[in-house]
Amino acid sequence: MTQENHSPHLTIIGGGPAGLMAAEAAVAAGVAVDVYDAMGSVGRKFLLAGKGGLNLTHGEPLAAFVQRYGERQHAVASWLAAFDADALREWARGLGVETFVGSSGRVFPRDMKAAPLLRAWLRRLRESGVGFHMHHRWLGWNASGALRFATPAGEQERQADAVLLALGGASWPRLGSDGAWVGALEQLGAEVAPLQPANGGFEVRWSEYLIQRFAGAPLKPVVVHWRDRAGQTHARQGECVISEYGIEGSLIYAIGAELREQLATRGEAQLMLDLVPGYSQSVLAERLAAPRGKHSIGDWLRRRAGLDGAKAALVFELTDKPTLADPVALAVQLKALPLQLCAPRPLAETISTAGGVRLESLDGALMLRTRPGVFCAGEMLDWEAPTGGYLLTACFASGLIAGRGAAQWLQEQARSKSEP
């Protein structure tokens, strides 16, 4: 909403981490800020992400950190130059929230909660003059360029000196991010890459027995082997989970972008699971070749290969009887159990979104090249990253870049209008 005194004013639409960080950056630069959000309160997805312990960022070295952003790592690196993992931890400390690095390298608040951090942040933003307007669902622009909002009191319009959109992707739409902004941005001339699921599970055709007995069971530790689209082989150790529809978990999320693209281009994707990373194939074959006596195959796999119930069930699910009876062939199977993926899970179920406003449509301040005064930040941009704190860090960092950029643009506009 343009102020009567014509002081620079920024309208931010979207109250997630990117939008709130943009508000903090802009108000610190001397710009008046109002934040609009479709929900009844801000930070809904942020709070949900913190239910199991808020993973704010990651403690690995910056060179390895930026590689997590794949094809967009060079662009995201420029954001992280302004606000990296260490800066994020220091920022949280300024809100009275101390953090620690867990055994996995992930960084959490000491109390493992999101709510105290969000409350302290909102209190500081309000004290700095940021206004908040809830239950305002953005509908785009009208013919004269005013912002349109659906509210409980009916449709309302607001003029804006500059607009910063931090509308999220399209995952978890019940929390406010539904991707409805795509059409409005395309009308402005922005290039928008199709929104796709990221950090979600993949479908596998399990038997009813496996689903009923082992859905939700973890597989740990395992090593996953896969071949990328260029034909290069890769391996990664971690944990995943058997789900009722297929497989999910942090290990799968870490390579999900490659798997998704293979399914899109080839119609298929295959993983090879090493269920016993503690044994070499030859040692495993030797152990399995010992006389089994009266032990069942399942019990023998537990005793000689260390397989728990879920891993053993997976072996029975995907292995024929001749292989089960041959110690050498079975050792090969345990070290490279083939898993055929059918499809990624729907976007609405995934943790985050791939695709969005292409970075080529934006300048270095994250302003639309085709519409000066309109900035974008956060998950609605065309980048993706695995879980582990990388998503939140880049959302915060992009919000800072866009907020500073919007403030600078507004101040330059104000100076140019005041010049004789």
Protein backbone atom coordinates (compact mmCIF):
# COMPACT_ATOMS: atom_id res chain seq x y z
CA MET A 1 0.00 0.00 0.00
CA THR A 2 1.54 3.33 -0.98
CA GLN A 3 2.05 5.60 2.02
CA GLU A 4 0.60 9.13 2.04
CA ASN A 5 4.03 10.61 2.80
CA HIS A 6 5.42 8.81 -0.26
CA SER A 7 8.18 7.14 1.76
CA PRO A 8 9.51 4.01 0.04
CA HIS A 9 7.23 1.08 0.78
CA LEU A 10 7.51 -2.62 0.00
CA THR A 11 4.62 -5.05 -0.17
CA ILE A 12 5.66 -8.64 0.53
CA ILE A 13 3.29 -11.46 -0.35
CA GLY A 14 4.07 -14.69 1.48
CA GLY A 15 4.99 -15.08 5.13
CA GLY A 16 7.40 -18.01 5.02
CA PRO A 17 11.12 -17.82 5.82
CA ALA A 18 12.00 -16.10 2.52
CA GLY A 19 9.27 -13.46 2.87
CA LEU A 20 10.05 -12.76 6.52
CA MET A 21 13.78 -12.49 5.86
CA ALA A 22 13.05 -10.11 2.99
CA ALA A 23 10.94 -8.02 5.36
CA GLU A 24 13.77 -7.89 7.90
CA ALA A 25 16.33 -6.90 5.27
CA ALA A 26 14.12 -4.20 3.72
CA VAL A 27 13.05 -2.59 6.98
CA ALA A 28 16.67 -2.56 8.15
CA ALA A 29 17.48 -0.60 4.97
CA GLY A 30 14.91 2.06 5.90
CA VAL A 31 11.93 0.90 3.85
CA ALA A 32 8.40 0.52 5.20
CA VAL A 33 7.13 -3.06 4.85
CA ASP A 34 3.78 -4.84 4.93
CA VAL A 35 3.50 -8.62 4.70
CA TYR A 36 0.38 -10.30 3.30
CA ASP A 37 -0.40 -14.00 3.64
CA ALA A 38 -3.30 -16.22 2.63
CA MET A 39 -3.28 -18.15 5.90
CA GLY A 40 -4.34 -17.09 9.37
CA SER A 41 -0.73 -16.87 10.56
CA VAL A 42 2.70 -16.81 8.98
CA GLY A 43 5.31 -19.55 8.96
CA ARG A 44 2.92 -22.52 8.77
CA LYS A 45 5.26 -24.74 6.75
CA PHE A 46 8.23 -23.60 8.85
CA LEU A 47 6.43 -24.75 11.99
CA LEU A 48 5.48 -28.09 10.45
CA ALA A 49 9.07 -28.66 9.36
CA GLY A 50 10.11 -28.15 12.97
CA LYS A 51 7.81 -30.77 14.45
CA GLY A 52 10.48 -33.45 14.40
CA GLY A 53 13.28 -31.02 15.29
CA LEU A 54 13.92 -27.91 13.21
CA ASN A 55 16.80 -28.60 10.82
CA LEU A 56 17.90 -25.02 10.16
CA THR A 57 21.05 -25.60 8.14
CA HIS A 58 24.06 -27.88 7.78
CA GLY A 59 27.55 -27.72 9.22
CA GLU A 60 29.55 -29.05 6.28
CA PRO A 61 32.19 -26.86 4.56
CA LEU A 62 30.86 -24.27 2.13
CA ALA A 63 32.45 -25.91 -0.94
CA ALA A 64 30.50 -29.12 -0.29
CA PHE A 65 27.44 -27.19 0.85
CA VAL A 66 26.94 -25.34 -2.44
CA GLN A 67 27.22 -28.57 -4.44
CA ARG A 68 23.92 -29.69 -2.90
CA TYR A 69 22.12 -27.26 -5.21
CA GLY A 70 23.03 -29.19 -8.35
CA GLU A 71 22.58 -27.30 -11.58
CA ARG A 72 21.84 -24.05 -9.70
CA GLN A 73 24.81 -24.20 -7.35
CA HIS A 74 26.60 -21.20 -8.89
CA ALA A 75 23.54 -18.95 -8.53
CA VAL A 76 22.77 -20.13 -5.01
CA ALA A 77 26.44 -19.68 -4.06
CA SER A 78 26.04 -15.96 -4.76
CA TRP A 79 23.14 -15.84 -2.28
CA LEU A 80 25.13 -17.79 0.29
CA ALA A 81 27.98 -15.31 -0.05
CA ALA A 82 25.65 -12.85 1.67
CA PHE A 83 24.05 -15.27 4.13
CA ASP A 84 25.55 -18.72 4.65
CA ALA A 85 25.11 -21.40 7.29
CA ASP A 86 27.32 -19.61 9.81
CA ALA A 87 25.41 -16.36 9.28
CA LEU A 88 22.14 -18.22 9.79
CA ARG A 89 23.35 -19.64 13.11
CA GLU A 90 24.50 -16.18 14.21
CA TRP A 91 21.15 -14.72 13.19
CA ALA A 92 19.32 -17.33 15.29
CA ARG A 93 21.60 -16.50 18.22
CA GLY A 94 20.52 -12.88 17.88
CA LEU A 95 16.96 -14.06 18.48
CA GLY A 96 18.02 -15.89 21.63
CA VAL A 97 18.13 -19.31 19.96
CA GLU A 98 21.36 -21.28 20.34
CA THR A 99 22.07 -24.04 17.83
CA PHE A 100 24.19 -27.19 17.72
CA VAL A 101 25.62 -29.48 15.05
CA GLY A 102 24.26 -33.02 15.26
CA SER A 103 26.17 -36.20 14.52
CA SER A 104 24.94 -36.09 10.91
CA GLY A 105 26.23 -32.54 10.43
CA ARG A 106 22.73 -31.08 10.52
CA VAL A 107 22.20 -27.94 12.60
CA PHE A 108 19.30 -27.66 15.05
CA PRO A 109 18.10 -25.26 17.75
CA ARG A 110 19.13 -26.58 21.16
CA ASP A 111 15.47 -27.06 22.12
CA MET A 112 14.77 -28.68 18.71
CA LYS A 113 11.70 -26.44 18.26
CA ALA A 114 10.62 -23.98 15.58
CA ALA A 115 7.95 -22.07 17.52
CA PRO A 116 10.23 -20.15 19.95
CA LEU A 117 12.41 -18.93 17.09
CA LEU A 118 9.41 -17.86 15.01
CA ARG A 119 7.79 -16.04 17.96
CA ALA A 120 10.97 -14.11 18.72
CA TRP A 121 11.42 -13.26 15.05
CA LEU A 122 7.87 -11.99 14.60
CA ARG A 123 8.16 -9.91 17.77
CA ARG A 124 11.31 -8.26 16.42
CA LEU A 125 9.73 -7.65 13.02
CA ARG A 126 6.65 -6.04 14.55
CA GLU A 127 8.79 -3.87 16.82
CA SER A 128 10.70 -2.71 13.73
CA GLY A 129 7.45 -1.57 12.14
CA VAL A 130 6.59 -4.46 9.79
CA GLY A 131 2.82 -4.76 9.31
CA PHE A 132 1.09 -8.12 8.92
CA HIS A 133 -2.16 -8.80 7.06
CA MET A 134 -3.52 -12.33 7.35
CA HIS A 135 -6.26 -14.05 5.33
CA HIS A 136 -5.24 -12.07 2.24
CA ARG A 137 -4.93 -14.46 -0.69
CA TRP A 138 -3.18 -12.82 -3.62
CA LEU A 139 -5.10 -12.97 -6.91
CA GLY A 140 -2.67 -11.10 -9.15
CA TRP A 141 -2.91 -7.58 -10.59
CA ASN A 142 -5.88 -5.68 -11.96
CA ALA A 143 -5.84 -3.75 -15.23
CA SER A 144 -4.41 -0.63 -13.57
CA GLY A 145 -1.61 -2.53 -11.83
CA ALA A 146 -3.08 -2.70 -8.33
CA LEU A 147 -2.69 -5.88 -6.29
CA ARG A 148 -5.84 -7.95 -5.84
CA PHE A 149 -6.52 -9.92 -2.65
CA ALA A 150 -9.34 -12.23 -1.64
CA THR A 151 -10.20 -11.54 2.01
CA PRO A 152 -13.01 -12.54 4.40
CA ALA A 153 -14.52 -9.12 3.71
CA GLY A 154 -14.45 -9.65 -0.05
CA GLU A 155 -11.95 -8.74 -2.75
CA GLN A 156 -9.69 -5.80 -1.95
CA GLU A 157 -7.11 -3.90 -3.96
CA ARG A 158 -3.82 -2.36 -2.86
CA GLN A 159 -1.42 -0.09 -4.69
CA ALA A 160 2.24 -0.94 -4.19
CA ASP A 161 5.50 0.90 -4.80
CA ALA A 162 7.27 -2.45 -5.12
CA VAL A 163 6.21 -6.06 -4.65
CA LEU A 164 8.20 -8.99 -3.38
CA LEU A 165 6.67 -12.40 -3.97
CA ALA A 166 7.66 -15.26 -1.69
CA LEU A 167 4.78 -17.60 -2.42
CA GLY A 168 6.50 -20.97 -2.10
CA GLY A 169 6.13 -23.85 -4.50
CA ALA A 170 3.21 -26.25 -4.59
CA SER A 171 4.04 -28.85 -1.96
CA TRP A 172 1.85 -29.11 1.14
CA PRO A 173 -0.81 -26.82 -0.42
CA ARG A 174 -2.93 -26.99 2.73
CA LEU A 175 -0.33 -24.73 4.32
CA GLY A 176 -0.76 -22.04 1.68
CA SER A 177 1.69 -22.84 -1.13
CA ASP A 178 -0.40 -24.10 -4.03
CA GLY A 179 1.44 -22.78 -7.11
CA ALA A 180 -1.54 -20.62 -8.12
CA TRP A 181 0.85 -17.76 -8.85
CA VAL A 182 2.26 -19.37 -12.00
CA GLY A 183 -0.24 -17.84 -14.43
CA ALA A 184 0.11 -14.32 -13.05
CA LEU A 185 3.91 -14.43 -13.34
CA GLU A 186 3.80 -15.83 -16.87
CA GLN A 187 1.52 -12.94 -17.87
CA LEU A 188 4.28 -10.59 -16.74
CA GLY A 189 6.68 -12.30 -19.12
CA ALA A 190 8.49 -14.39 -16.53
CA GLU A 191 9.75 -17.78 -17.62
CA VAL A 192 8.45 -20.44 -15.24
CA ALA A 193 9.83 -23.98 -15.26
CA PRO A 194 7.09 -26.56 -14.59
CA LEU A 195 6.60 -27.28 -10.89
CA GLN A 196 7.66 -30.82 -10.01
CA PRO A 197 7.94 -32.92 -6.86
CA ALA A 198 11.20 -32.78 -4.90
CA ASN A 199 12.22 -34.47 -1.67
CA GLY A 200 9.46 -37.02 -1.95
CA GLY A 201 9.10 -40.75 -2.28
CA PHE A 202 8.94 -42.98 -5.35
CA GLU A 203 6.43 -45.67 -6.15
CA VAL A 204 7.37 -49.36 -6.23
CA ARG A 205 4.89 -52.17 -6.89
CA TRP A 206 5.04 -54.00 -3.55
CA SER A 207 3.05 -57.08 -2.67
CA GLU A 208 0.18 -56.69 -0.21
CA TYR A 209 2.12 -58.81 2.27
CA LEU A 210 5.08 -56.41 2.29
CA ILE A 211 2.80 -53.38 2.59
CA GLN A 212 0.79 -54.81 5.47
CA ARG A 213 3.78 -56.11 7.43
CA PHE A 214 6.57 -53.64 6.71
CA ALA A 215 5.20 -50.27 5.54
CA GLY A 216 6.99 -47.68 7.65
CA ALA A 217 9.97 -49.93 8.41
CA PRO A 218 13.41 -48.30 8.08
CA LEU A 219 16.23 -49.73 5.99
CA LYS A 220 19.52 -48.78 7.64
CA PRO A 221 22.26 -48.64 6.88
CA VAL A 222 22.15 -49.28 3.16
CA VAL A 223 24.19 -48.13 0.19
CA VAL A 224 22.31 -47.15 -2.93
CA HIS A 225 23.98 -47.50 -6.34
CA TRP A 226 22.60 -45.82 -9.45
CA ARG A 227 23.61 -44.77 -12.92
CA ASP A 228 22.96 -41.18 -13.95
CA ARG A 229 21.67 -39.98 -17.32
CA ALA A 230 25.23 -39.65 -18.60
CA GLY A 231 25.94 -43.28 -17.75
CA GLN A 232 28.15 -42.57 -14.75
CA THR A 233 27.76 -44.82 -11.70
CA HIS A 234 27.36 -43.41 -8.20
CA ALA A 235 26.95 -44.72 -4.67
CA ARG A 236 25.70 -43.18 -1.44
CA GLN A 237 25.18 -44.61 2.03
CA GLY A 238 22.31 -43.61 4.29
CA GLU A 239 18.83 -44.56 5.41
CA CYS A 240 15.48 -44.97 3.70
CA VAL A 241 12.04 -46.28 4.55
CA ILE A 242 9.68 -48.82 3.03
CA SER A 243 6.35 -47.06 2.54
CA GLU A 244 2.96 -48.39 1.53
CA TYR A 245 3.46 -46.96 -1.96
CA GLY A 246 7.19 -47.57 -2.41
CA ILE A 247 10.30 -46.06 -0.86
CA GLU A 248 11.15 -42.73 0.73
CA GLY A 249 13.57 -41.12 3.20
CA SER A 250 16.65 -38.91 3.25
CA LEU A 251 18.80 -41.24 1.13
CA ILE A 252 16.16 -41.26 -1.62
CA TYR A 253 15.59 -37.51 -1.38
CA ALA A 254 19.31 -36.89 -1.86
CA ILE A 255 19.21 -38.42 -5.35
CA GLY A 256 15.57 -37.69 -6.11
CA ALA A 257 16.22 -35.09 -8.81
CA GLU A 258 18.17 -37.59 -10.91
CA LEU A 259 15.56 -40.32 -10.42
CA ARG A 260 12.72 -37.94 -11.30
CA GLU A 261 14.41 -36.85 -14.51
CA GLN A 262 15.13 -40.45 -15.54
CA LEU A 263 11.48 -41.36 -15.05
CA ALA A 264 10.41 -38.30 -17.06
CA THR A 265 12.77 -38.96 -19.98
CA ARG A 266 12.98 -42.76 -20.04
CA GLY A 267 9.87 -43.87 -18.23
CA GLU A 268 11.94 -45.93 -15.80
CA ALA A 269 14.57 -45.67 -13.10
CA GLN A 270 16.40 -48.38 -11.19
CA LEU A 271 18.35 -48.46 -7.95
CA MET A 272 20.61 -51.19 -6.63
CA LEU A 273 20.54 -51.55 -2.84
CA ASP A 274 23.48 -52.91 -0.90
CA LEU A 275 21.72 -54.25 2.18
CA VAL A 276 24.93 -55.36 3.90
CA PRO A 277 27.56 -52.62 3.47
CA GLY A 278 29.59 -54.16 6.30
CA TYR A 279 30.54 -57.24 4.26
CA SER A 280 32.28 -57.68 0.94
CA GLN A 281 30.54 -59.92 -1.57
CA SER A 282 33.12 -62.69 -1.23
CA VAL A 283 32.99 -62.73 2.57
CA LEU A 284 29.22 -62.67 2.48
CA ALA A 285 29.11 -65.62 0.06
CA GLU A 286 31.43 -67.57 2.34
CA ARG A 287 29.29 -66.88 5.39
CA LEU A 288 26.08 -67.87 3.60
CA ALA A 289 27.67 -71.09 2.30
CA ALA A 290 28.11 -72.53 5.81
CA PRO A 291 25.78 -75.46 6.61
CA ARG A 292 22.34 -74.03 7.37
CA GLY A 293 20.99 -77.02 9.26
CA LYS A 294 17.43 -76.53 10.45
CA HIS A 295 17.54 -72.72 10.25
CA SER A 296 15.07 -71.08 7.90
CA ILE A 297 16.46 -68.83 5.16
CA GLY A 298 15.14 -65.77 6.99
CA ASP A 299 16.84 -66.79 10.23
CA TRP A 300 20.01 -67.63 8.29
CA LEU A 301 20.04 -64.17 6.72
CA ARG A 302 19.73 -62.64 10.17
CA ARG A 303 22.50 -64.78 11.67
CA ARG A 304 25.00 -64.79 8.80
CA ALA A 305 24.29 -61.47 7.06
CA GLY A 306 22.86 -59.37 9.89
CA LEU A 307 19.60 -58.66 8.06
CA ASP A 308 16.67 -57.48 10.17
CA GLY A 309 13.06 -58.35 9.39
CA ALA A 310 12.47 -55.51 6.94
CA LYS A 311 15.63 -56.17 4.92
CA ALA A 312 14.93 -59.89 4.84
CA ALA A 313 11.37 -59.25 3.69
CA LEU A 314 12.71 -57.06 0.90
CA VAL A 315 15.03 -59.87 -0.19
CA PHE A 316 12.14 -62.36 -0.32
CA GLU A 317 10.04 -59.78 -2.20
CA LEU A 318 12.60 -59.31 -4.98
CA THR A 319 14.50 -62.61 -5.18
CA ASP A 320 13.56 -65.85 -6.91
CA LYS A 321 13.89 -69.26 -5.25
CA PRO A 322 16.95 -70.48 -7.20
CA THR A 323 18.88 -67.39 -6.10
CA LEU A 324 17.81 -67.85 -2.48
CA ALA A 325 19.21 -71.40 -2.60
CA ASP A 326 22.60 -70.39 -4.06
CA PRO A 327 24.96 -68.70 -1.54
CA VAL A 328 27.07 -67.02 -4.24
CA ALA A 329 24.07 -65.71 -6.20
CA LEU A 330 22.37 -64.64 -2.98
CA ALA A 331 25.47 -62.70 -1.90
CA VAL A 332 25.37 -60.87 -5.25
CA GLN A 333 21.69 -60.09 -4.68
CA LEU A 334 22.24 -58.76 -1.16
CA LYS A 335 24.99 -56.45 -2.39
CA ALA A 336 22.98 -55.21 -5.41
CA LEU A 337 19.26 -55.76 -4.86
CA PRO A 338 17.49 -54.28 -7.93
CA LEU A 339 14.66 -51.88 -7.15
CA GLN A 340 12.50 -50.69 -10.05
CA LEU A 341 10.86 -47.29 -9.50
CA CYS A 342 7.57 -46.54 -11.25
CA ALA A 343 6.86 -42.85 -10.58
CA PRO A 344 7.50 -40.01 -8.14
CA ARG A 345 4.79 -39.33 -5.61
CA PRO A 346 2.42 -36.41 -6.32
CA LEU A 347 3.72 -32.89 -5.79
CA ALA A 348 1.22 -32.14 -3.02
CA GLU A 349 2.77 -34.88 -0.87
CA THR A 350 6.41 -33.90 -1.22
CA ILE A 351 8.53 -31.80 1.11
CA SER A 352 9.52 -29.26 -1.53
CA THR A 353 9.14 -28.21 -5.15
CA ALA A 354 11.46 -28.22 -8.14
CA GLY A 355 10.90 -25.74 -10.95
CA GLY A 356 9.52 -22.22 -10.61
CA VAL A 357 10.55 -18.79 -11.82
CA ARG A 358 13.67 -19.33 -13.90
CA LEU A 359 16.63 -17.41 -12.53
CA GLU A 360 17.34 -16.17 -16.05
CA SER A 361 14.13 -14.13 -15.74
CA LEU A 362 15.62 -12.25 -12.76
CA ASP A 363 18.51 -9.88 -12.26
CA GLY A 364 21.11 -10.20 -9.51
CA ALA A 365 18.73 -8.60 -7.00
CA LEU A 366 16.05 -11.18 -7.92
CA MET A 367 13.89 -8.57 -9.69
CA LEU A 368 11.92 -9.59 -12.77
CA ARG A 369 13.63 -8.28 -15.88
CA THR A 370 10.26 -7.82 -17.58
CA ARG A 371 8.62 -6.00 -14.65
CA PRO A 372 10.80 -3.57 -12.66
CA GLY A 373 9.69 -3.36 -9.05
CA VAL A 374 8.58 -7.00 -8.80
CA PHE A 375 10.95 -9.27 -6.90
CA CYS A 376 10.79 -13.02 -6.17
CA ALA A 377 12.40 -15.16 -3.47
CA GLY A 378 12.36 -18.57 -1.84
CA GLU A 379 11.02 -21.87 -3.06
CA MET A 380 9.06 -20.32 -5.93
CA LEU A 381 12.38 -19.84 -7.73
CA ASP A 382 13.79 -22.52 -10.03
CA TRP A 383 16.25 -24.34 -7.75
CA GLU A 384 16.11 -27.39 -5.55
CA ALA A 385 18.12 -29.10 -2.85
CA PRO A 386 17.88 -32.20 -0.67
CA THR A 387 16.74 -32.07 2.93
CA GLY A 388 19.39 -31.49 5.56
CA GLY A 389 19.03 -27.73 6.11
CA TYR A 390 19.89 -26.79 2.53
CA LEU A 391 16.32 -25.83 1.63
CA LEU A 392 15.84 -23.43 4.53
CA THR A 393 19.28 -21.87 4.17
CA ALA A 394 18.71 -20.95 0.52
CA CYS A 395 15.20 -19.65 1.28
CA PHE A 396 16.60 -17.35 3.97
CA ALA A 397 19.48 -16.24 1.76
CA SER A 398 17.32 -15.51 -1.29
CA GLY A 399 14.92 -13.54 0.90
CA LEU A 400 17.79 -11.41 2.15
CA ILE A 401 19.04 -10.76 -1.39
CA ALA A 402 15.57 -9.85 -2.68
CA GLY A 403 14.71 -7.72 0.36
CA ARG A 404 17.90 -5.70 0.04
CA GLY A 405 17.42 -5.44 -3.69
CA ALA A 406 13.85 -4.19 -3.33
CA ALA A 407 14.88 -1.61 -0.74
CA GLN A 408 17.67 -0.31 -2.96
CA TRP A 409 15.39 -0.14 -5.99
CA LEU A 410 12.73 1.78 -4.03
CA GLN A 411 15.27 4.25 -2.69
CA GLU A 412 16.69 4.83 -6.16
CA GLN A 413 13.17 5.46 -7.47
CA ALA A 414 12.49 7.90 -4.65
CA ARG A 415 15.74 9.79 -5.33
CA SER A 416 15.04 10.03 -9.04
CA LYS A 417 11.57 11.48 -8.35
CA SER A 418 12.98 14.05 -5.93
CA GLU A 419 15.59 15.31 -8.36
CA PRO A 420 14.67 18.56 -10.17
